[in-house]
Amino acid sequence: MSVLILLIEDNKDICESVTEILELENFKVVSADNGVSGIKMIEEHRPDMILCDIYMPDMDGYTVCGLVKDNPETAEIPFIFLTAKAEQKDREKALLLGCDDYLVKPFDNVKLLDTIRSCFDRKGKVY
């Protein structure tokens, strides 16, 4: 079974790096470089997980998370923020919106993969 992860990230280098890490672990990855494109990708692909930056052009990650979690058709998709926003108030805002986890950049490969697996385990999803 192939697990599809949507990565919404406007930094090309981070997008390429995270995609490579995930593909080496046999995850299938699709990406979007802003929130508006990310919402379209969610509708088109119905990913098994969403990894999303917060600060992006056109629509920020908070808005994306809110739209995903408010929609009954997508609310159960695990949602992890990948962000440089390290303050506690930012983490709290993200969790109130319904995100499942929150990784502060820079993070290492092991931490990323452990967070993804842990999130899938909490949701009872097979990966």
C-alpha atoms as a PDB file:
ATOM      1  CA  MET A   1       0.000   0.000   0.000  1.00  0.00           C
ATOM      2  CA  SER A   2       1.389   3.351  -1.020  1.00  0.00           C
ATOM      3  CA  VAL A   3       0.957   6.195   1.452  1.00  0.00           C
ATOM      4  CA  LEU A   4       0.485   9.627  -0.130  1.00  0.00           C
ATOM      5  CA  ILE A   5       1.793  12.675   1.704  1.00  0.00           C
ATOM      6  CA  LEU A   6       1.026  16.213   0.564  1.00  0.00           C
ATOM      7  CA  LEU A   7       3.812  18.676   1.329  1.00  0.00           C
ATOM      8  CA  ILE A   8       2.772  22.340   1.252  1.00  0.00           C
ATOM      9  CA  GLU A   9       5.997  24.345   1.402  1.00  0.00           C
ATOM     10  CA  ASP A  10       7.063  27.510  -0.436  1.00  0.00           C
ATOM     11  CA  ASN A  11      10.818  27.050   0.118  1.00  0.00           C
ATOM     12  CA  LYS A  12      12.056  25.002  -2.836  1.00  0.00           C
ATOM     13  CA  ASP A  13      15.147  23.646  -1.035  1.00  0.00           C
ATOM     14  CA  ILE A  14      13.135  22.453   1.968  1.00  0.00           C
ATOM     15  CA  CYS A  15      10.506  20.967  -0.334  1.00  0.00           C
ATOM     16  CA  GLU A  16      13.120  18.997  -2.274  1.00  0.00           C
ATOM     17  CA  SER A  17      14.887  17.837   0.891  1.00  0.00           C
ATOM     18  CA  VAL A  18      11.716  16.665   2.661  1.00  0.00           C
ATOM     19  CA  THR A  19      10.456  14.990  -0.516  1.00  0.00           C
ATOM     20  CA  GLU A  20      13.724  13.078  -0.857  1.00  0.00           C
ATOM     21  CA  ILE A  21      13.614  11.944   2.792  1.00  0.00           C
ATOM     22  CA  LEU A  22      10.025  10.731   2.427  1.00  0.00           C
ATOM     23  CA  GLU A  23      10.559   9.000  -0.901  1.00  0.00           C
ATOM     24  CA  LEU A  24      13.556   7.117   0.522  1.00  0.00           C
ATOM     25  CA  GLU A  25      11.091   5.731   3.101  1.00  0.00           C
ATOM     26  CA  ASN A  26       8.735   4.667   0.277  1.00  0.00           C
ATOM     27  CA  PHE A  27       6.152   7.384   0.835  1.00  0.00           C
ATOM     28  CA  LYS A  28       4.604   8.887  -2.291  1.00  0.00           C
ATOM     29  CA  VAL A  29       4.841  12.702  -2.204  1.00  0.00           C
ATOM     30  CA  VAL A  30       2.966  15.450  -3.998  1.00  0.00           C
ATOM     31  CA  SER A  31       3.726  19.073  -3.258  1.00  0.00           C
ATOM     32  CA  ALA A  32       2.309  22.557  -3.488  1.00  0.00           C
ATOM     33  CA  ASP A  33       4.193  25.827  -3.053  1.00  0.00           C
ATOM     34  CA  ASN A  34       1.363  27.809  -1.408  1.00  0.00           C
ATOM     35  CA  GLY A  35      -1.833  27.296   0.533  1.00  0.00           C
ATOM     36  CA  VAL A  36      -4.216  27.878  -2.368  1.00  0.00           C
ATOM     37  CA  SER A  37      -2.478  25.242  -4.476  1.00  0.00           C
ATOM     38  CA  GLY A  38      -2.350  22.998  -1.415  1.00  0.00           C
ATOM     39  CA  ILE A  39      -6.126  23.107  -0.965  1.00  0.00           C
ATOM     40  CA  LYS A  40      -6.556  22.181  -4.645  1.00  0.00           C
ATOM     41  CA  MET A  41      -4.120  19.268  -4.211  1.00  0.00           C
ATOM     42  CA  ILE A  42      -6.075  18.047  -1.171  1.00  0.00           C
ATOM     43  CA  GLU A  43      -9.268  18.029  -3.226  1.00  0.00           C
ATOM     44  CA  GLU A  44      -7.589  16.264  -6.166  1.00  0.00           C
ATOM     45  CA  HIS A  45      -5.492  13.680  -4.327  1.00  0.00           C
ATOM     46  CA  ARG A  46      -7.042  13.113  -0.871  1.00  0.00           C
ATOM     47  CA  PRO A  47      -3.628  12.543   0.744  1.00  0.00           C
ATOM     48  CA  ASP A  48      -3.062  10.257   3.717  1.00  0.00           C
ATOM     49  CA  MET A  49      -1.185  13.056   5.518  1.00  0.00           C
ATOM     50  CA  ILE A  50      -0.500  16.768   5.087  1.00  0.00           C
ATOM     51  CA  LEU A  51       2.800  18.446   6.002  1.00  0.00           C
ATOM     52  CA  CYS A  52       2.429  22.223   5.857  1.00  0.00           C
ATOM     53  CA  ASP A  53       4.483  25.357   6.419  1.00  0.00           C
ATOM     54  CA  ILE A  54       2.820  28.315   8.169  1.00  0.00           C
ATOM     55  CA  TYR A  55       4.197  31.377   6.377  1.00  0.00           C
ATOM     56  CA  MET A  56       3.428  31.087   2.653  1.00  0.00           C
ATOM     57  CA  PRO A  57       2.152  33.346  -0.114  1.00  0.00           C
ATOM     58  CA  ASP A  58      -1.554  33.525  -1.011  1.00  0.00           C
ATOM     59  CA  MET A  59      -2.818  31.524   1.996  1.00  0.00           C
ATOM     60  CA  ASP A  60      -0.966  30.743   5.214  1.00  0.00           C
ATOM     61  CA  GLY A  61      -0.784  27.355   6.858  1.00  0.00           C
ATOM     62  CA  TYR A  62      -3.157  28.314   9.673  1.00  0.00           C
ATOM     63  CA  THR A  63      -5.874  28.975   7.095  1.00  0.00           C
ATOM     64  CA  VAL A  64      -5.101  25.703   5.288  1.00  0.00           C
ATOM     65  CA  CYS A  65      -5.307  23.760   8.559  1.00  0.00           C
ATOM     66  CA  GLY A  66      -8.581  25.427   9.504  1.00  0.00           C
ATOM     67  CA  LEU A  67     -10.139  24.616   6.121  1.00  0.00           C
ATOM     68  CA  VAL A  68      -8.953  20.999   6.285  1.00  0.00           C
ATOM     69  CA  LYS A  69     -10.129  20.414   9.852  1.00  0.00           C
ATOM     70  CA  ASP A  70     -13.488  22.202   9.344  1.00  0.00           C
ATOM     71  CA  ASN A  71     -14.363  20.005   6.345  1.00  0.00           C
ATOM     72  CA  PRO A  72     -15.894  16.654   7.396  1.00  0.00           C
ATOM     73  CA  GLU A  73     -14.440  15.026   4.261  1.00  0.00           C
ATOM     74  CA  THR A  74     -10.854  15.971   5.174  1.00  0.00           C
ATOM     75  CA  ALA A  75     -10.936  16.506   8.949  1.00  0.00           C
ATOM     76  CA  GLU A  76      -9.428  13.086   9.719  1.00  0.00           C
ATOM     77  CA  ILE A  77      -6.358  13.590   7.505  1.00  0.00           C
ATOM     78  CA  PRO A  78      -3.341  13.864   9.822  1.00  0.00           C
ATOM     79  CA  PHE A  79      -1.920  17.403   9.620  1.00  0.00           C
ATOM     80  CA  ILE A  80       1.608  18.320  10.723  1.00  0.00           C
ATOM     81  CA  PHE A  81       3.040  21.810  10.642  1.00  0.00           C
ATOM     82  CA  LEU A  82       6.687  22.196   9.545  1.00  0.00           C
ATOM     83  CA  THR A  83       7.617  25.737  10.499  1.00  0.00           C
ATOM     84  CA  ALA A  84      10.284  28.135  11.692  1.00  0.00           C
ATOM     85  CA  LYS A  85       7.762  29.592  14.187  1.00  0.00           C
ATOM     86  CA  ALA A  86       9.154  28.300  17.466  1.00  0.00           C
ATOM     87  CA  GLU A  87       7.166  30.337  20.008  1.00  0.00           C
ATOM     88  CA  GLN A  88       4.725  28.562  22.315  1.00  0.00           C
ATOM     89  CA  LYS A  89       1.851  30.837  21.249  1.00  0.00           C
ATOM     90  CA  ASP A  90       2.325  29.696  17.629  1.00  0.00           C
ATOM     91  CA  ARG A  91       2.259  26.034  18.640  1.00  0.00           C
ATOM     92  CA  GLU A  92      -0.856  26.616  20.758  1.00  0.00           C
ATOM     93  CA  LYS A  93      -2.647  28.376  17.885  1.00  0.00           C
ATOM     94  CA  ALA A  94      -1.810  25.472  15.572  1.00  0.00           C
ATOM     95  CA  LEU A  95      -3.051  22.874  18.050  1.00  0.00           C
ATOM     96  CA  LEU A  96      -6.282  24.823  18.618  1.00  0.00           C
ATOM     97  CA  LEU A  97      -6.888  24.696  14.864  1.00  0.00           C
ATOM     98  CA  GLY A  98      -6.642  20.907  15.056  1.00  0.00           C
ATOM     99  CA  CYS A  99      -3.173  20.109  13.759  1.00  0.00           C
ATOM    100  CA  ASP A 100      -1.861  16.741  14.893  1.00  0.00           C
ATOM    101  CA  ASP A 101       1.766  17.719  15.422  1.00  0.00           C
ATOM    102  CA  TYR A 102       4.188  20.621  15.061  1.00  0.00           C
ATOM    103  CA  LEU A 103       7.832  20.412  13.979  1.00  0.00           C
ATOM    104  CA  VAL A 104      10.124  23.424  14.245  1.00  0.00           C
ATOM    105  CA  LYS A 105      12.672  23.950  11.449  1.00  0.00           C
ATOM    106  CA  PRO A 106      15.406  22.969  11.250  1.00  0.00           C
ATOM    107  CA  PHE A 107      14.605  19.365  12.107  1.00  0.00           C
ATOM    108  CA  ASP A 108      16.541  16.222  11.296  1.00  0.00           C
ATOM    109  CA  ASN A 109      15.403  13.306   9.172  1.00  0.00           C
ATOM    110  CA  VAL A 110      14.876  10.981  12.133  1.00  0.00           C
ATOM    111  CA  LYS A 111      12.681  13.502  13.969  1.00  0.00           C
ATOM    112  CA  LEU A 112      10.583  14.072  10.835  1.00  0.00           C
ATOM    113  CA  LEU A 113      10.057  10.368  10.200  1.00  0.00           C
ATOM    114  CA  ASP A 114       9.380   9.608  13.877  1.00  0.00           C
ATOM    115  CA  THR A 115       6.774  12.386  13.984  1.00  0.00           C
ATOM    116  CA  ILE A 116       5.057  11.087  10.845  1.00  0.00           C
ATOM    117  CA  ARG A 117       4.988   7.494  12.111  1.00  0.00           C
ATOM    118  CA  SER A 118       3.779   8.561  15.546  1.00  0.00           C
ATOM    119  CA  CYS A 119       0.992  10.604  13.991  1.00  0.00           C
ATOM    120  CA  PHE A 120      -0.116   7.680  11.826  1.00  0.00           C
ATOM    121  CA  ASP A 121      -0.012   5.390  14.876  1.00  0.00           C
ATOM    122  CA  ARG A 122      -2.200   7.784  16.912  1.00  0.00           C
ATOM    123  CA  LYS A 123      -4.705   7.899  14.050  1.00  0.00           C
ATOM    124  CA  GLY A 124      -4.677   4.104  13.709  1.00  0.00           C
ATOM    125  CA  LYS A 125      -3.497   4.337  10.109  1.00  0.00           C
ATOM    126  CA  VAL A 126      -1.260   1.782   8.409  1.00  0.00           C
ATOM    127  CA  TYR A 127       1.757   3.239   6.623  1.00  0.00           C
END
